[in-house]
Amino acid sequence: MSQMYAVPLTQMPISVREFAAYKSGIQNCSSKTVSEYLLDLRTFLRYIVASREGIDLESEEFLCIDIRHLDLDFMASIRTSEIYSFLQYSGSVRKNLWAAKARKLVSIRMFYRYLVNKTKQLEVNPAAEIESPKPKKALPKFLSLDESLLLLETVKNDRSSRTVIRDYAILTLFLNCGMRVSELVGIDLSDINKELRSLRVTGKGSKERIIYLNKACREALSAYLPTRLVDDNAFSSKEKALFLSGQRKRISVKTVQWMVYKYLDMAGLGDRHLSVHKLRHTAATLMYQQGGVDVRVLKEILGHEQLNTTQIYTHVSNAGMEQAMAQNPLSHVKPPKKED
């Protein structure tokens, strides 16, 4: 297997290596997704070994546990109660929040599903009946319309940056299209419609979708593309990426993140604990709340697998609640006047 993962496959048991090959080669999972599975399974298997052998779970010895020799008999010996204990350890010792614990459980469940259902190497999936940790219900953070306009205006007024036209185009795509940062950095020149009406992005699970561009996006790209193509011609670059770094290579996720944080700070929004992903939330919320976009259409725009993932954006806006309070027929009743 040629892919590079966060955990070298040579450090994993044979069954886990085969599972990684299945997820990558058959199910076409990205290397990032497979890396997450490997990290979770390494921690889980080390925990089982450590808890059975009395190794301190917070020691250096724990981090050095060799799991390469663990065979199918070992995998079959793991009980549901041990998985519950591992999830408790993940929260209490490793300080994992619900999302991280849920992901670890998914990794374990998928691994055993592969061994039981796909390859018939085992008979029992000990994680099959374990319920996922309940999420903390929280509304997504996002910029208001005025804050979004302020952010774009801040980029426009930046006279010190040599990449202001590129950066403006990137932020315009984020705020209008709701794409993921991984999707944006993966866009090639060939992915853009010649009339700038649409572009193709590759989302999770290597699934492609078409995003249609509005006037703001078309104008931002029209302004950026001449500078992009000048770079291409001047330096005889063979780089296919739409957005280039200062070294005229495909721009990285970290560079985009740094750029977004910079402009959030410049706009006076740096204390809002916002991120690149929150710009995706912003686009979705503005489209739904102020643009009147149907939630099923929004699902396709965002590239969500399930409708319930998209429905988080159907939360009632503060403006809507304020208007509802104002419409209460008792809202105009005045209090008694103070007597002289």
C-alpha atoms as a PDB file:
ATOM      1  CA  MET A   1       0.000   0.000   0.000  1.00  0.00           C
ATOM      2  CA  SER A   2       1.552   3.306  -1.132  1.00  0.00           C
ATOM      3  CA  GLN A   3      -0.491   5.752   0.969  1.00  0.00           C
ATOM      4  CA  MET A   4       1.135   7.589   3.840  1.00  0.00           C
ATOM      5  CA  TYR A   5      -0.833   7.465   7.072  1.00  0.00           C
ATOM      6  CA  ALA A   6      -0.433   9.124  10.465  1.00  0.00           C
ATOM      7  CA  VAL A   7       0.423   5.684  11.877  1.00  0.00           C
ATOM      8  CA  PRO A   8       2.872   3.508   9.893  1.00  0.00           C
ATOM      9  CA  LEU A   9       1.091   0.301   8.895  1.00  0.00           C
ATOM     10  CA  THR A  10       4.147  -1.684   9.971  1.00  0.00           C
ATOM     11  CA  GLN A  11       3.280  -0.770  13.580  1.00  0.00           C
ATOM     12  CA  MET A  12      -0.193  -2.293  13.340  1.00  0.00           C
ATOM     13  CA  PRO A  13      -1.494  -5.879  13.587  1.00  0.00           C
ATOM     14  CA  ILE A  14      -2.091  -7.696  10.307  1.00  0.00           C
ATOM     15  CA  SER A  15      -5.865  -7.543  10.719  1.00  0.00           C
ATOM     16  CA  VAL A  16      -5.742  -3.750  11.107  1.00  0.00           C
ATOM     17  CA  ARG A  17      -3.497  -3.429   8.045  1.00  0.00           C
ATOM     18  CA  GLU A  18      -6.003  -5.429   6.025  1.00  0.00           C
ATOM     19  CA  PHE A  19      -8.830  -3.280   7.377  1.00  0.00           C
ATOM     20  CA  ALA A  20      -6.956  -0.134   6.247  1.00  0.00           C
ATOM     21  CA  ALA A  21      -6.479  -1.637   2.781  1.00  0.00           C
ATOM     22  CA  TYR A  22     -10.197  -2.395   2.592  1.00  0.00           C
ATOM     23  CA  LYS A  23     -11.241   1.120   3.645  1.00  0.00           C
ATOM     24  CA  SER A  24      -8.822   2.699   1.195  1.00  0.00           C
ATOM     25  CA  GLY A  25      -8.930   0.357  -1.774  1.00  0.00           C
ATOM     26  CA  ILE A  26     -12.533  -0.884  -1.708  1.00  0.00           C
ATOM     27  CA  GLN A  27     -14.471   1.864   0.046  1.00  0.00           C
ATOM     28  CA  ASN A  28     -12.285   4.648  -1.378  1.00  0.00           C
ATOM     29  CA  CYS A  29     -11.817   6.418   1.954  1.00  0.00           C
ATOM     30  CA  SER A  30      -9.318   9.271   2.002  1.00  0.00           C
ATOM     31  CA  SER A  31      -5.911   8.840   3.624  1.00  0.00           C
ATOM     32  CA  LYS A  32      -7.050  11.290   6.328  1.00  0.00           C
ATOM     33  CA  THR A  33     -10.051   9.119   7.197  1.00  0.00           C
ATOM     34  CA  VAL A  34      -7.970   5.930   7.266  1.00  0.00           C
ATOM     35  CA  SER A  35      -5.366   7.694   9.434  1.00  0.00           C
ATOM     36  CA  GLU A  36      -8.078   8.549  11.945  1.00  0.00           C
ATOM     37  CA  TYR A  37      -9.159   4.910  12.076  1.00  0.00           C
ATOM     38  CA  LEU A  38      -5.561   3.816  12.635  1.00  0.00           C
ATOM     39  CA  LEU A  39      -4.924   6.358  15.398  1.00  0.00           C
ATOM     40  CA  ASP A  40      -8.109   5.349  17.215  1.00  0.00           C
ATOM     41  CA  LEU A  41      -7.436   1.619  16.896  1.00  0.00           C
ATOM     42  CA  ARG A  42      -3.834   1.975  18.062  1.00  0.00           C
ATOM     43  CA  THR A  43      -4.976   3.804  21.203  1.00  0.00           C
ATOM     44  CA  PHE A  44      -7.764   1.279  21.776  1.00  0.00           C
ATOM     45  CA  LEU A  45      -5.571  -1.796  21.417  1.00  0.00           C
ATOM     46  CA  ARG A  46      -2.861  -0.285  23.609  1.00  0.00           C
ATOM     47  CA  TYR A  47      -5.528   0.404  26.226  1.00  0.00           C
ATOM     48  CA  ILE A  48      -6.721  -3.222  26.178  1.00  0.00           C
ATOM     49  CA  VAL A  49      -3.162  -4.517  26.549  1.00  0.00           C
ATOM     50  CA  ALA A  50      -2.336  -2.009  29.292  1.00  0.00           C
ATOM     51  CA  SER A  51      -5.499  -2.631  31.318  1.00  0.00           C
ATOM     52  CA  ARG A  52      -4.994  -6.393  31.171  1.00  0.00           C
ATOM     53  CA  GLU A  53      -1.311  -6.237  32.086  1.00  0.00           C
ATOM     54  CA  GLY A  54      -1.563  -3.529  34.722  1.00  0.00           C
ATOM     55  CA  ILE A  55       0.404  -0.894  32.798  1.00  0.00           C
ATOM     56  CA  ASP A  56      -0.096   2.718  33.934  1.00  0.00           C
ATOM     57  CA  LEU A  57      -2.433   4.329  31.388  1.00  0.00           C
ATOM     58  CA  GLU A  58      -0.689   7.695  31.735  1.00  0.00           C
ATOM     59  CA  SER A  59       2.879   6.442  31.556  1.00  0.00           C
ATOM     60  CA  GLU A  60       5.508   6.528  28.838  1.00  0.00           C
ATOM     61  CA  GLU A  61       5.315   2.742  28.841  1.00  0.00           C
ATOM     62  CA  PHE A  62       1.736   2.965  27.573  1.00  0.00           C
ATOM     63  CA  LEU A  63       2.881   4.940  24.520  1.00  0.00           C
ATOM     64  CA  CYS A  64       5.484   2.292  23.715  1.00  0.00           C
ATOM     65  CA  ILE A  65       3.214  -0.754  23.813  1.00  0.00           C
ATOM     66  CA  ASP A  66       3.900  -2.927  20.765  1.00  0.00           C
ATOM     67  CA  ILE A  67       0.633  -4.172  19.261  1.00  0.00           C
ATOM     68  CA  ARG A  68       2.004  -5.714  16.062  1.00  0.00           C
ATOM     69  CA  HIS A  69       1.720  -9.260  17.398  1.00  0.00           C
ATOM     70  CA  LEU A  70      -1.986  -9.035  18.326  1.00  0.00           C
ATOM     71  CA  ASP A  71      -3.819 -11.717  16.356  1.00  0.00           C
ATOM     72  CA  LEU A  72      -7.433 -12.642  15.644  1.00  0.00           C
ATOM     73  CA  ASP A  73      -7.709 -14.601  18.897  1.00  0.00           C
ATOM     74  CA  PHE A  74      -6.857 -11.415  20.771  1.00  0.00           C
ATOM     75  CA  MET A  75      -9.420  -9.420  18.778  1.00  0.00           C
ATOM     76  CA  ALA A  76     -12.039 -12.080  19.507  1.00  0.00           C
ATOM     77  CA  SER A  77     -11.247 -11.951  23.228  1.00  0.00           C
ATOM     78  CA  ILE A  78     -12.182  -8.273  23.597  1.00  0.00           C
ATOM     79  CA  ARG A  79     -15.475  -7.823  25.427  1.00  0.00           C
ATOM     80  CA  THR A  80     -18.137  -5.112  25.246  1.00  0.00           C
ATOM     81  CA  SER A  81     -17.399  -4.141  28.845  1.00  0.00           C
ATOM     82  CA  GLU A  82     -13.789  -3.377  27.884  1.00  0.00           C
ATOM     83  CA  ILE A  83     -14.971  -1.037  25.130  1.00  0.00           C
ATOM     84  CA  TYR A  84     -17.167   0.792  27.638  1.00  0.00           C
ATOM     85  CA  SER A  85     -14.135   1.115  29.920  1.00  0.00           C
ATOM     86  CA  PHE A  86     -12.061   2.451  27.037  1.00  0.00           C
ATOM     87  CA  LEU A  87     -14.654   5.135  26.255  1.00  0.00           C
ATOM     88  CA  GLN A  88     -14.708   6.145  29.911  1.00  0.00           C
ATOM     89  CA  TYR A  89     -10.896   6.324  29.895  1.00  0.00           C
ATOM     90  CA  SER A  90     -11.023   8.458  26.740  1.00  0.00           C
ATOM     91  CA  GLY A  91     -13.189  11.005  28.521  1.00  0.00           C
ATOM     92  CA  SER A  92     -11.704  11.008  32.000  1.00  0.00           C
ATOM     93  CA  VAL A  93      -7.993  10.567  31.237  1.00  0.00           C
ATOM     94  CA  ARG A  94      -7.561  11.745  27.662  1.00  0.00           C
ATOM     95  CA  LYS A  95     -10.189  14.511  28.105  1.00  0.00           C
ATOM     96  CA  ASN A  96     -11.939  13.579  24.868  1.00  0.00           C
ATOM     97  CA  LEU A  97     -15.238  15.358  24.309  1.00  0.00           C
ATOM     98  CA  TRP A  98     -18.299  13.574  22.927  1.00  0.00           C
ATOM     99  CA  ALA A  99     -17.253  13.971  19.279  1.00  0.00           C
ATOM    100  CA  ALA A 100     -13.843  12.368  19.811  1.00  0.00           C
ATOM    101  CA  LYS A 101     -15.350   9.531  21.853  1.00  0.00           C
ATOM    102  CA  ALA A 102     -18.018   8.956  19.209  1.00  0.00           C
ATOM    103  CA  ARG A 103     -15.342   8.806  16.505  1.00  0.00           C
ATOM    104  CA  LYS A 104     -13.340   6.254  18.490  1.00  0.00           C
ATOM    105  CA  LEU A 105     -16.419   4.091  18.879  1.00  0.00           C
ATOM    106  CA  VAL A 106     -17.094   4.327  15.126  1.00  0.00           C
ATOM    107  CA  SER A 107     -13.519   3.214  14.413  1.00  0.00           C
ATOM    108  CA  ILE A 108     -13.873   0.177  16.694  1.00  0.00           C
ATOM    109  CA  ARG A 109     -17.311  -0.670  15.346  1.00  0.00           C
ATOM    110  CA  MET A 110     -16.173  -0.419  11.709  1.00  0.00           C
ATOM    111  CA  PHE A 111     -13.093  -2.545  12.381  1.00  0.00           C
ATOM    112  CA  TYR A 112     -15.172  -5.335  13.903  1.00  0.00           C
ATOM    113  CA  ARG A 113     -17.824  -4.986  11.218  1.00  0.00           C
ATOM    114  CA  TYR A 114     -15.074  -5.645   8.690  1.00  0.00           C
ATOM    115  CA  LEU A 115     -13.887  -8.730  10.599  1.00  0.00           C
ATOM    116  CA  VAL A 116     -17.399 -10.095  11.219  1.00  0.00           C
ATOM    117  CA  ASN A 117     -19.550  -9.039   8.260  1.00  0.00           C
ATOM    118  CA  LYS A 118     -17.111  -8.506   5.413  1.00  0.00           C
ATOM    119  CA  THR A 119     -14.421 -11.142   5.862  1.00  0.00           C
ATOM    120  CA  LYS A 120     -16.153 -13.572   8.269  1.00  0.00           C
ATOM    121  CA  GLN A 121     -12.974 -13.902  10.336  1.00  0.00           C
ATOM    122  CA  LEU A 122     -14.853 -13.379  13.605  1.00  0.00           C
ATOM    123  CA  GLU A 123     -18.376 -14.191  14.719  1.00  0.00           C
ATOM    124  CA  VAL A 124     -19.162 -11.403  17.182  1.00  0.00           C
ATOM    125  CA  ASN A 125     -18.884  -7.629  16.985  1.00  0.00           C
ATOM    126  CA  PRO A 126     -18.526  -6.518  20.640  1.00  0.00           C
ATOM    127  CA  ALA A 127     -19.209  -2.877  19.701  1.00  0.00           C
ATOM    128  CA  ALA A 128     -22.367  -3.512  17.692  1.00  0.00           C
ATOM    129  CA  GLU A 129     -24.879  -2.698  20.439  1.00  0.00           C
ATOM    130  CA  ILE A 130     -23.015   0.181  22.084  1.00  0.00           C
ATOM    131  CA  GLU A 131     -24.840   3.483  21.702  1.00  0.00           C
ATOM    132  CA  SER A 132     -22.843   6.455  20.501  1.00  0.00           C
ATOM    133  CA  PRO A 133     -22.068   9.137  23.109  1.00  0.00           C
ATOM    134  CA  LYS A 134     -24.782  11.765  23.089  1.00  0.00           C
ATOM    135  CA  PRO A 135     -23.647  15.064  21.595  1.00  0.00           C
ATOM    136  CA  LYS A 136     -23.809  18.333  23.439  1.00  0.00           C
ATOM    137  CA  LYS A 137     -26.529  20.296  21.694  1.00  0.00           C
ATOM    138  CA  ALA A 138     -25.062  23.559  20.479  1.00  0.00           C
ATOM    139  CA  LEU A 139     -25.903  25.919  17.663  1.00  0.00           C
ATOM    140  CA  PRO A 140     -23.201  26.404  15.037  1.00  0.00           C
ATOM    141  CA  LYS A 141     -21.114  29.551  15.321  1.00  0.00           C
ATOM    142  CA  PHE A 142     -21.344  31.823  12.325  1.00  0.00           C
ATOM    143  CA  LEU A 143     -20.918  35.401  11.151  1.00  0.00           C
ATOM    144  CA  SER A 144     -23.897  37.652  10.716  1.00  0.00           C
ATOM    145  CA  LEU A 145     -24.536  39.243   7.330  1.00  0.00           C
ATOM    146  CA  ASP A 146     -23.012  42.528   8.510  1.00  0.00           C
ATOM    147  CA  GLU A 147     -19.959  40.740   9.918  1.00  0.00           C
ATOM    148  CA  SER A 148     -19.523  38.822   6.653  1.00  0.00           C
ATOM    149  CA  LEU A 149     -19.607  42.082   4.701  1.00  0.00           C
ATOM    150  CA  LEU A 150     -17.139  43.599   7.163  1.00  0.00           C
ATOM    151  CA  LEU A 151     -14.748  40.675   6.678  1.00  0.00           C
ATOM    152  CA  LEU A 152     -14.839  41.011   2.890  1.00  0.00           C
ATOM    153  CA  GLU A 153     -14.384  44.790   3.134  1.00  0.00           C
ATOM    154  CA  THR A 154     -11.395  44.260   5.414  1.00  0.00           C
ATOM    155  CA  VAL A 155      -9.710  42.145   2.752  1.00  0.00           C
ATOM    156  CA  LYS A 156     -10.483  44.730   0.065  1.00  0.00           C
ATOM    157  CA  ASN A 157      -8.847  47.467   2.122  1.00  0.00           C
ATOM    158  CA  ASP A 158      -5.666  45.537   2.861  1.00  0.00           C
ATOM    159  CA  ARG A 159      -2.968  47.476   1.035  1.00  0.00           C
ATOM    160  CA  SER A 160      -0.061  45.528   2.499  1.00  0.00           C
ATOM    161  CA  SER A 161      -0.813  42.073   1.056  1.00  0.00           C
ATOM    162  CA  ARG A 162       0.434  40.913  -2.342  1.00  0.00           C
ATOM    163  CA  THR A 163      -2.215  38.178  -2.399  1.00  0.00           C
ATOM    164  CA  VAL A 164      -5.262  40.290  -1.597  1.00  0.00           C
ATOM    165  CA  ILE A 165      -7.073  39.390  -4.846  1.00  0.00           C
ATOM    166  CA  ARG A 166      -6.507  35.683  -4.222  1.00  0.00           C
ATOM    167  CA  ASP A 167      -7.521  35.974  -0.580  1.00  0.00           C
ATOM    168  CA  TYR A 168     -10.681  37.883  -1.471  1.00  0.00           C
ATOM    169  CA  ALA A 169     -11.653  35.183  -3.971  1.00  0.00           C
ATOM    170  CA  ILE A 170     -11.088  32.456  -1.363  1.00  0.00           C
ATOM    171  CA  LEU A 171     -13.194  34.175   1.286  1.00  0.00           C
ATOM    172  CA  THR A 172     -15.905  34.924  -1.265  1.00  0.00           C
ATOM    173  CA  LEU A 173     -16.138  31.233  -2.172  1.00  0.00           C
ATOM    174  CA  PHE A 174     -16.265  30.219   1.492  1.00  0.00           C
ATOM    175  CA  LEU A 175     -18.990  32.706   2.395  1.00  0.00           C
ATOM    176  CA  ASN A 176     -21.121  32.089  -0.704  1.00  0.00           C
ATOM    177  CA  CYS A 177     -20.654  28.385  -1.424  1.00  0.00           C
ATOM    178  CA  GLY A 178     -20.122  26.842   2.016  1.00  0.00           C
ATOM    179  CA  MET A 179     -17.356  24.535   0.811  1.00  0.00           C
ATOM    180  CA  ARG A 180     -14.913  22.786   3.119  1.00  0.00           C
ATOM    181  CA  VAL A 181     -11.325  24.027   3.245  1.00  0.00           C
ATOM    182  CA  SER A 182     -10.109  20.654   1.945  1.00  0.00           C
ATOM    183  CA  GLU A 183     -12.463  21.046  -1.009  1.00  0.00           C
ATOM    184  CA  LEU A 184     -11.234  24.553  -1.777  1.00  0.00           C
ATOM    185  CA  VAL A 185      -7.515  23.722  -1.770  1.00  0.00           C
ATOM    186  CA  GLY A 186      -8.248  20.709  -3.983  1.00  0.00           C
ATOM    187  CA  ILE A 187      -9.818  22.732  -6.803  1.00  0.00           C
ATOM    188  CA  ASP A 188      -7.904  22.575 -10.102  1.00  0.00           C
ATOM    189  CA  LEU A 189      -8.145  25.058 -12.955  1.00  0.00           C
ATOM    190  CA  SER A 190      -9.814  22.348 -15.009  1.00  0.00           C
ATOM    191  CA  ASP A 191     -12.578  22.048 -12.403  1.00  0.00           C
ATOM    192  CA  ILE A 192     -13.962  25.478 -13.290  1.00  0.00           C
ATOM    193  CA  ASN A 193     -16.610  25.931 -15.950  1.00  0.00           C
ATOM    194  CA  LYS A 194     -15.307  28.142 -18.781  1.00  0.00           C
ATOM    195  CA  GLU A 195     -18.139  30.630 -18.266  1.00  0.00           C
ATOM    196  CA  LEU A 196     -17.473  30.590 -14.504  1.00  0.00           C
ATOM    197  CA  ARG A 197     -20.997  29.295 -13.918  1.00  0.00           C
ATOM    198  CA  SER A 198     -19.936  26.363 -11.777  1.00  0.00           C
ATOM    199  CA  LEU A 199     -17.012  24.411 -10.408  1.00  0.00           C
ATOM    200  CA  ARG A 200     -16.411  20.825  -9.333  1.00  0.00           C
ATOM    201  CA  VAL A 201     -15.176  19.944  -5.849  1.00  0.00           C
ATOM    202  CA  THR A 202     -14.204  16.640  -4.289  1.00  0.00           C
ATOM    203  CA  GLY A 203     -15.711  16.156  -0.847  1.00  0.00           C
ATOM    204  CA  LYS A 204     -15.581  13.488   1.824  1.00  0.00           C
ATOM    205  CA  GLY A 205     -15.160   9.957   0.553  1.00  0.00           C
ATOM    206  CA  SER A 206     -13.794  11.322  -2.741  1.00  0.00           C
ATOM    207  CA  LYS A 207     -17.344  12.187  -3.784  1.00  0.00           C
ATOM    208  CA  GLU A 208     -17.557  14.872  -6.445  1.00  0.00           C
ATOM    209  CA  ARG A 209     -20.285  17.488  -6.662  1.00  0.00           C
ATOM    210  CA  ILE A 210     -20.981  20.592  -8.715  1.00  0.00           C
ATOM    211  CA  ILE A 211     -21.250  23.971  -6.996  1.00  0.00           C
ATOM    212  CA  TYR A 212     -22.954  26.726  -8.976  1.00  0.00           C
ATOM    213  CA  LEU A 213     -21.403  30.171  -8.713  1.00  0.00           C
ATOM    214  CA  ASN A 214     -23.312  33.391  -8.091  1.00  0.00           C
ATOM    215  CA  LYS A 215     -22.345  36.828  -9.369  1.00  0.00           C
ATOM    216  CA  ALA A 216     -20.054  37.620  -6.439  1.00  0.00           C
ATOM    217  CA  CYS A 217     -18.086  34.403  -6.967  1.00  0.00           C
ATOM    218  CA  ARG A 218     -17.836  34.917 -10.720  1.00  0.00           C
ATOM    219  CA  GLU A 219     -16.554  38.455 -10.291  1.00  0.00           C
ATOM    220  CA  ALA A 220     -14.044  37.455  -7.604  1.00  0.00           C
ATOM    221  CA  LEU A 221     -12.701  34.627  -9.769  1.00  0.00           C
ATOM    222  CA  SER A 222     -12.644  36.878 -12.849  1.00  0.00           C
ATOM    223  CA  ALA A 223     -10.431  39.284 -10.928  1.00  0.00           C
ATOM    224  CA  TYR A 224      -8.164  36.523  -9.604  1.00  0.00           C
ATOM    225  CA  LEU A 225      -7.711  34.288 -12.652  1.00  0.00           C
ATOM    226  CA  PRO A 226      -5.610  36.749 -14.722  1.00  0.00           C
ATOM    227  CA  THR A 227      -3.077  36.996 -11.868  1.00  0.00           C
ATOM    228  CA  ARG A 228      -3.128  33.231 -11.470  1.00  0.00           C
ATOM    229  CA  LEU A 229      -2.466  32.654 -15.176  1.00  0.00           C
ATOM    230  CA  VAL A 230       0.263  35.316 -15.285  1.00  0.00           C
ATOM    231  CA  ASP A 231       2.097  33.392 -12.585  1.00  0.00           C
ATOM    232  CA  ASP A 232       1.609  30.208 -14.575  1.00  0.00           C
ATOM    233  CA  ASN A 233       3.081  31.680 -17.751  1.00  0.00           C
ATOM    234  CA  ALA A 234       5.885  33.639 -16.099  1.00  0.00           C
ATOM    235  CA  PHE A 235       7.250  30.710 -14.135  1.00  0.00           C
ATOM    236  CA  SER A 236       6.364  27.874 -16.526  1.00  0.00           C
ATOM    237  CA  SER A 237       4.489  26.213 -13.715  1.00  0.00           C
ATOM    238  CA  LYS A 238       2.858  22.842 -14.247  1.00  0.00           C
ATOM    239  CA  GLU A 239       0.780  23.256 -11.103  1.00  0.00           C
ATOM    240  CA  LYS A 240      -2.890  22.505 -11.807  1.00  0.00           C
ATOM    241  CA  ALA A 241      -4.281  24.072  -8.645  1.00  0.00           C
ATOM    242  CA  LEU A 242      -6.613  27.054  -8.820  1.00  0.00           C
ATOM    243  CA  PHE A 243      -5.190  28.710  -5.727  1.00  0.00           C
ATOM    244  CA  LEU A 244      -1.425  28.975  -5.369  1.00  0.00           C
ATOM    245  CA  SER A 245       0.808  29.794  -2.431  1.00  0.00           C
ATOM    246  CA  GLY A 246       3.611  32.349  -2.492  1.00  0.00           C
ATOM    247  CA  GLN A 247       5.867  29.571  -3.781  1.00  0.00           C
ATOM    248  CA  ARG A 248       3.447  29.024  -6.687  1.00  0.00           C
ATOM    249  CA  LYS A 249       2.471  25.596  -5.377  1.00  0.00           C
ATOM    250  CA  ARG A 250      -1.009  24.388  -4.455  1.00  0.00           C
ATOM    251  CA  ILE A 251      -2.060  26.385  -1.431  1.00  0.00           C
ATOM    252  CA  SER A 252      -2.164  24.351   1.788  1.00  0.00           C
ATOM    253  CA  VAL A 253      -4.935  24.060   4.352  1.00  0.00           C
ATOM    254  CA  LYS A 254      -2.673  25.679   6.961  1.00  0.00           C
ATOM    255  CA  THR A 255      -1.981  28.682   4.732  1.00  0.00           C
ATOM    256  CA  VAL A 256      -5.700  29.204   4.166  1.00  0.00           C
ATOM    257  CA  GLN A 257      -6.376  28.880   7.896  1.00  0.00           C
ATOM    258  CA  TRP A 258      -3.650  31.409   8.709  1.00  0.00           C
ATOM    259  CA  MET A 259      -5.048  33.844   6.142  1.00  0.00           C
ATOM    260  CA  VAL A 260      -8.591  33.568   7.507  1.00  0.00           C
ATOM    261  CA  TYR A 261      -7.431  34.088  11.104  1.00  0.00           C
ATOM    262  CA  LYS A 262      -5.434  37.138  10.005  1.00  0.00           C
ATOM    263  CA  TYR A 263      -8.420  38.834   8.423  1.00  0.00           C
ATOM    264  CA  LEU A 264     -10.759  37.903  11.259  1.00  0.00           C
ATOM    265  CA  ASP A 265      -8.340  39.680  13.617  1.00  0.00           C
ATOM    266  CA  MET A 266      -8.056  42.682  11.306  1.00  0.00           C
ATOM    267  CA  ALA A 267     -11.854  42.911  11.160  1.00  0.00           C
ATOM    268  CA  GLY A 268     -12.089  42.905  14.963  1.00  0.00           C
ATOM    269  CA  LEU A 269     -13.655  39.434  15.003  1.00  0.00           C
ATOM    270  CA  GLY A 270     -10.674  37.557  16.416  1.00  0.00           C
ATOM    271  CA  ASP A 271     -12.237  37.090  19.860  1.00  0.00           C
ATOM    272  CA  ARG A 272     -15.248  35.193  18.503  1.00  0.00           C
ATOM    273  CA  HIS A 273     -13.462  31.791  18.429  1.00  0.00           C
ATOM    274  CA  LEU A 274     -14.232  31.491  14.734  1.00  0.00           C
ATOM    275  CA  SER A 275     -12.445  29.287  12.216  1.00  0.00           C
ATOM    276  CA  VAL A 276     -12.395  28.452   8.525  1.00  0.00           C
ATOM    277  CA  HIS A 277     -15.094  25.845   9.102  1.00  0.00           C
ATOM    278  CA  LYS A 278     -17.291  28.520  10.707  1.00  0.00           C
ATOM    279  CA  LEU A 279     -17.317  30.307   7.340  1.00  0.00           C
ATOM    280  CA  ARG A 280     -19.011  27.171   5.975  1.00  0.00           C
ATOM    281  CA  HIS A 281     -21.553  27.479   8.793  1.00  0.00           C
ATOM    282  CA  THR A 282     -21.984  31.141   7.893  1.00  0.00           C
ATOM    283  CA  ALA A 283     -22.745  30.421   4.246  1.00  0.00           C
ATOM    284  CA  ALA A 284     -25.246  27.707   5.173  1.00  0.00           C
ATOM    285  CA  THR A 285     -26.985  29.835   7.796  1.00  0.00           C
ATOM    286  CA  LEU A 286     -27.250  32.895   5.541  1.00  0.00           C
ATOM    287  CA  MET A 287     -28.588  30.812   2.649  1.00  0.00           C
ATOM    288  CA  TYR A 288     -31.222  29.197   4.853  1.00  0.00           C
ATOM    289  CA  GLN A 289     -32.263  32.082   7.099  1.00  0.00           C
ATOM    290  CA  GLN A 290     -31.995  35.050   4.760  1.00  0.00           C
ATOM    291  CA  GLY A 291     -31.876  33.453   1.340  1.00  0.00           C
ATOM    292  CA  GLY A 292     -34.831  31.144   1.880  1.00  0.00           C
ATOM    293  CA  VAL A 293     -32.980  28.126   0.470  1.00  0.00           C
ATOM    294  CA  ASP A 294     -34.830  24.840   1.003  1.00  0.00           C
ATOM    295  CA  VAL A 295     -33.025  22.584   3.466  1.00  0.00           C
ATOM    296  CA  ARG A 296     -32.961  19.728   0.929  1.00  0.00           C
ATOM    297  CA  VAL A 297     -31.268  21.959  -1.627  1.00  0.00           C
ATOM    298  CA  LEU A 298     -28.865  23.151   1.080  1.00  0.00           C
ATOM    299  CA  LYS A 299     -27.988  19.519   1.789  1.00  0.00           C
ATOM    300  CA  GLU A 300     -26.822  19.065  -1.812  1.00  0.00           C
ATOM    301  CA  ILE A 301     -24.903  22.350  -1.849  1.00  0.00           C
ATOM    302  CA  LEU A 302     -22.994  21.404   1.310  1.00  0.00           C
ATOM    303  CA  GLY A 303     -22.406  17.819   0.226  1.00  0.00           C
ATOM    304  CA  HIS A 304     -24.009  16.276   3.306  1.00  0.00           C
ATOM    305  CA  GLU A 305     -24.792  12.555   3.302  1.00  0.00           C
ATOM    306  CA  GLN A 306     -27.787  12.827   5.624  1.00  0.00           C
ATOM    307  CA  LEU A 307     -30.491  15.479   5.863  1.00  0.00           C
ATOM    308  CA  ASN A 308     -30.297  15.542   9.659  1.00  0.00           C
ATOM    309  CA  THR A 309     -26.734  16.893   9.363  1.00  0.00           C
ATOM    310  CA  THR A 310     -28.076  19.865   7.417  1.00  0.00           C
ATOM    311  CA  GLN A 311     -31.001  20.472   9.758  1.00  0.00           C
ATOM    312  CA  ILE A 312     -28.752  22.092  12.355  1.00  0.00           C
ATOM    313  CA  TYR A 313     -28.981  25.197  10.164  1.00  0.00           C
ATOM    314  CA  THR A 314     -32.760  25.335  10.547  1.00  0.00           C
ATOM    315  CA  HIS A 315     -32.416  26.695  14.075  1.00  0.00           C
ATOM    316  CA  VAL A 316     -34.485  29.806  14.704  1.00  0.00           C
ATOM    317  CA  SER A 317     -32.432  32.965  14.320  1.00  0.00           C
ATOM    318  CA  ASN A 318     -32.156  35.574  17.055  1.00  0.00           C
ATOM    319  CA  ALA A 319     -33.825  38.068  14.733  1.00  0.00           C
ATOM    320  CA  GLY A 320     -36.736  35.691  14.288  1.00  0.00           C
ATOM    321  CA  MET A 321     -37.159  35.269  18.035  1.00  0.00           C
ATOM    322  CA  GLU A 322     -36.963  39.025  18.559  1.00  0.00           C
ATOM    323  CA  GLN A 323     -39.646  39.577  15.923  1.00  0.00           C
ATOM    324  CA  ALA A 324     -41.850  36.897  17.503  1.00  0.00           C
ATOM    325  CA  MET A 325     -41.629  38.626  20.878  1.00  0.00           C
ATOM    326  CA  ALA A 326     -42.549  41.947  19.279  1.00  0.00           C
ATOM    327  CA  GLN A 327     -45.646  40.371  17.721  1.00  0.00           C
ATOM    328  CA  ASN A 328     -47.060  39.277  21.065  1.00  0.00           C
ATOM    329  CA  PRO A 329     -50.324  41.247  21.487  1.00  0.00           C
ATOM    330  CA  LEU A 330     -49.266  42.182  25.017  1.00  0.00           C
ATOM    331  CA  SER A 331     -46.000  43.718  23.844  1.00  0.00           C
ATOM    332  CA  HIS A 332     -47.495  47.235  23.697  1.00  0.00           C
ATOM    333  CA  VAL A 333     -48.955  47.270  27.229  1.00  0.00           C
ATOM    334  CA  LYS A 334     -47.280  50.050  29.192  1.00  0.00           C
ATOM    335  CA  PRO A 335     -46.242  49.845  32.843  1.00  0.00           C
ATOM    336  CA  PRO A 336     -47.870  52.103  35.428  1.00  0.00           C
ATOM    337  CA  LYS A 337     -46.480  55.592  35.747  1.00  0.00           C
ATOM    338  CA  LYS A 338     -44.705  56.603  38.890  1.00  0.00           C
ATOM    339  CA  GLU A 339     -46.907  58.772  41.057  1.00  0.00           C
ATOM    340  CA  ASP A 340     -45.663  62.233  41.964  1.00  0.00           C
END
